Amino acid sequence: MNCPKCQGGTYLADEDLVKVLENSTPMKLLIKQTFVCRACAERTSRIISDDMDARKKEIQDVTSGVQTVSLAGNAVTPAPPTDQAGAGIQFLDSV
């Protein structure tokens, strides 16, 4: 989205839920989005509608590959971190 004042680029600063339309099929959400211009810092907002069913499908897609495991009674030791970035660090305080 571009700034209506200077036509500069904007970023999404805030999203607020305005209202849930329960009587519609599929159920819709009214969301107020607030944008801030990167050039002039002008704040603009707009109201959009979003389907609740589409959000449910996104959540199901994300959680479809997740496995839950019960750890009751099982002692699990965490694996040591495999940080390759810190592998070559040497402390020279004994020199």
C-alpha atoms as a PDB file:
ATOM      1  CA  MET A   1       0.000   0.000   0.000  1.00  0.00           C
ATOM      2  CA  ASN A   2       1.234   3.505  -0.795  1.00  0.00           C
ATOM      3  CA  CYS A   3       0.853   6.608   1.342  1.00  0.00           C
ATOM      4  CA  PRO A   4      -2.068   8.774   0.145  1.00  0.00           C
ATOM      5  CA  LYS A   5      -0.126  11.939   1.071  1.00  0.00           C
ATOM      6  CA  CYS A   6       3.307  11.407  -0.544  1.00  0.00           C
ATOM      7  CA  GLN A   7       2.917   8.063  -2.395  1.00  0.00           C
ATOM      8  CA  GLY A   8       5.771   6.571  -0.346  1.00  0.00           C
ATOM      9  CA  GLY A   9       5.901   2.980   0.852  1.00  0.00           C
ATOM     10  CA  THR A  10       4.059   2.023   4.032  1.00  0.00           C
ATOM     11  CA  TYR A  11       4.311  -0.774   6.573  1.00  0.00           C
ATOM     12  CA  LEU A  12       1.621  -2.420   8.687  1.00  0.00           C
ATOM     13  CA  ALA A  13       1.946  -1.009  12.205  1.00  0.00           C
ATOM     14  CA  ASP A  14      -1.179  -2.367  13.909  1.00  0.00           C
ATOM     15  CA  GLU A  15      -4.165  -4.645  13.389  1.00  0.00           C
ATOM     16  CA  ASP A  16      -7.297  -4.473  15.550  1.00  0.00           C
ATOM     17  CA  LEU A  17     -10.399  -6.646  15.507  1.00  0.00           C
ATOM     18  CA  VAL A  18     -13.419  -4.381  15.001  1.00  0.00           C
ATOM     19  CA  LYS A  19     -16.308  -6.835  14.813  1.00  0.00           C
ATOM     20  CA  VAL A  20     -17.172 -10.471  14.182  1.00  0.00           C
ATOM     21  CA  LEU A  21     -20.040 -10.922  11.717  1.00  0.00           C
ATOM     22  CA  GLU A  22     -21.589 -14.157  12.975  1.00  0.00           C
ATOM     23  CA  ASN A  23     -24.719 -14.034  10.787  1.00  0.00           C
ATOM     24  CA  SER A  24     -22.796 -14.307   7.527  1.00  0.00           C
ATOM     25  CA  THR A  25     -21.783 -17.551   5.868  1.00  0.00           C
ATOM     26  CA  PRO A  26     -18.845 -18.053   6.178  1.00  0.00           C
ATOM     27  CA  MET A  27     -18.310 -16.060   9.367  1.00  0.00           C
ATOM     28  CA  LYS A  28     -16.374 -12.851   8.641  1.00  0.00           C
ATOM     29  CA  LEU A  29     -14.056 -10.667  10.716  1.00  0.00           C
ATOM     30  CA  LEU A  30     -13.835  -6.900  10.296  1.00  0.00           C
ATOM     31  CA  ILE A  31     -10.216  -5.868  10.900  1.00  0.00           C
ATOM     32  CA  LYS A  32      -8.813  -2.336  11.114  1.00  0.00           C
ATOM     33  CA  GLN A  33      -5.288  -2.109   9.707  1.00  0.00           C
ATOM     34  CA  THR A  34      -3.104   0.903  10.528  1.00  0.00           C
ATOM     35  CA  PHE A  35      -0.250   1.713   8.157  1.00  0.00           C
ATOM     36  CA  VAL A  36       2.658   4.128   8.687  1.00  0.00           C
ATOM     37  CA  CYS A  37       4.478   5.803   5.796  1.00  0.00           C
ATOM     38  CA  ARG A  38       8.229   5.197   5.710  1.00  0.00           C
ATOM     39  CA  ALA A  39       8.893   8.620   4.144  1.00  0.00           C
ATOM     40  CA  CYS A  40       6.594  11.123   5.906  1.00  0.00           C
ATOM     41  CA  ALA A  41       5.392   9.049   8.937  1.00  0.00           C
ATOM     42  CA  GLU A  42       1.750   9.712   8.056  1.00  0.00           C
ATOM     43  CA  ARG A  43      -0.617   7.186   9.693  1.00  0.00           C
ATOM     44  CA  THR A  44      -3.470   5.833   7.573  1.00  0.00           C
ATOM     45  CA  SER A  45      -5.948   3.067   8.268  1.00  0.00           C
ATOM     46  CA  ARG A  46      -8.407   0.909   6.415  1.00  0.00           C
ATOM     47  CA  ILE A  47     -10.990  -1.704   7.358  1.00  0.00           C
ATOM     48  CA  ILE A  48     -10.906  -5.087   5.656  1.00  0.00           C
ATOM     49  CA  SER A  49     -13.009  -8.228   5.961  1.00  0.00           C
ATOM     50  CA  ASP A  50     -11.507 -11.673   6.379  1.00  0.00           C
ATOM     51  CA  ASP A  51     -13.120 -15.138   6.309  1.00  0.00           C
ATOM     52  CA  MET A  52     -12.918 -17.083   9.561  1.00  0.00           C
ATOM     53  CA  ASP A  53     -12.943 -20.392   7.639  1.00  0.00           C
ATOM     54  CA  ALA A  54      -9.794 -19.399   5.720  1.00  0.00           C
ATOM     55  CA  ARG A  55      -7.990 -18.702   9.012  1.00  0.00           C
ATOM     56  CA  LYS A  56      -9.044 -22.088  10.402  1.00  0.00           C
ATOM     57  CA  LYS A  57      -7.642 -23.838   7.315  1.00  0.00           C
ATOM     58  CA  GLU A  58      -4.314 -22.005   7.723  1.00  0.00           C
ATOM     59  CA  ILE A  59      -4.052 -23.137  11.350  1.00  0.00           C
ATOM     60  CA  GLN A  60      -4.906 -26.733  10.393  1.00  0.00           C
ATOM     61  CA  ASP A  61      -2.240 -26.692   7.671  1.00  0.00           C
ATOM     62  CA  VAL A  62       0.394 -25.518  10.139  1.00  0.00           C
ATOM     63  CA  THR A  63      -0.515 -28.033  12.852  1.00  0.00           C
ATOM     64  CA  SER A  64      -0.993 -31.013  10.514  1.00  0.00           C
ATOM     65  CA  GLY A  65       2.671 -32.066  10.690  1.00  0.00           C
ATOM     66  CA  VAL A  66       3.028 -31.636  14.461  1.00  0.00           C
ATOM     67  CA  GLN A  67       3.231 -34.754  16.598  1.00  0.00           C
ATOM     68  CA  THR A  68       2.407 -34.700  20.296  1.00  0.00           C
ATOM     69  CA  VAL A  69       4.353 -36.967  22.620  1.00  0.00           C
ATOM     70  CA  SER A  70       3.572 -37.734  26.243  1.00  0.00           C
ATOM     71  CA  LEU A  71       6.642 -37.403  28.433  1.00  0.00           C
ATOM     72  CA  ALA A  72       4.987 -38.728  31.598  1.00  0.00           C
ATOM     73  CA  GLY A  73       7.521 -40.962  33.346  1.00  0.00           C
ATOM     74  CA  ASN A  74      10.149 -40.644  30.608  1.00  0.00           C
ATOM     75  CA  ALA A  75      13.372 -38.891  31.524  1.00  0.00           C
ATOM     76  CA  VAL A  76      14.532 -36.878  28.559  1.00  0.00           C
ATOM     77  CA  THR A  77      17.875 -35.113  28.527  1.00  0.00           C
ATOM     78  CA  PRO A  78      18.178 -32.225  26.133  1.00  0.00           C
ATOM     79  CA  ALA A  79      20.752 -32.585  23.386  1.00  0.00           C
ATOM     80  CA  PRO A  80      23.727 -30.228  23.533  1.00  0.00           C
ATOM     81  CA  PRO A  81      23.367 -27.277  21.193  1.00  0.00           C
ATOM     82  CA  THR A  82      25.026 -27.675  17.826  1.00  0.00           C
ATOM     83  CA  ASP A  83      26.001 -24.062  17.316  1.00  0.00           C
ATOM     84  CA  GLN A  84      28.475 -23.962  14.451  1.00  0.00           C
ATOM     85  CA  ALA A  85      29.066 -20.221  14.799  1.00  0.00           C
ATOM     86  CA  GLY A  86      30.700 -20.539  18.227  1.00  0.00           C
ATOM     87  CA  ALA A  87      32.753 -23.650  17.439  1.00  0.00           C
ATOM     88  CA  GLY A  88      35.983 -21.741  16.765  1.00  0.00           C
ATOM     89  CA  ILE A  89      35.868 -19.410  19.802  1.00  0.00           C
ATOM     90  CA  GLN A  90      38.836 -19.731  22.159  1.00  0.00           C
ATOM     91  CA  PHE A  91      39.208 -17.910  25.475  1.00  0.00           C
ATOM     92  CA  LEU A  92      42.721 -16.590  26.000  1.00  0.00           C
ATOM     93  CA  ASP A  93      42.459 -15.531  29.644  1.00  0.00           C
ATOM     94  CA  SER A  94      45.172 -18.012  30.703  1.00  0.00           C
ATOM     95  CA  VAL A  95      47.783 -16.386  28.422  1.00  0.00           C
END
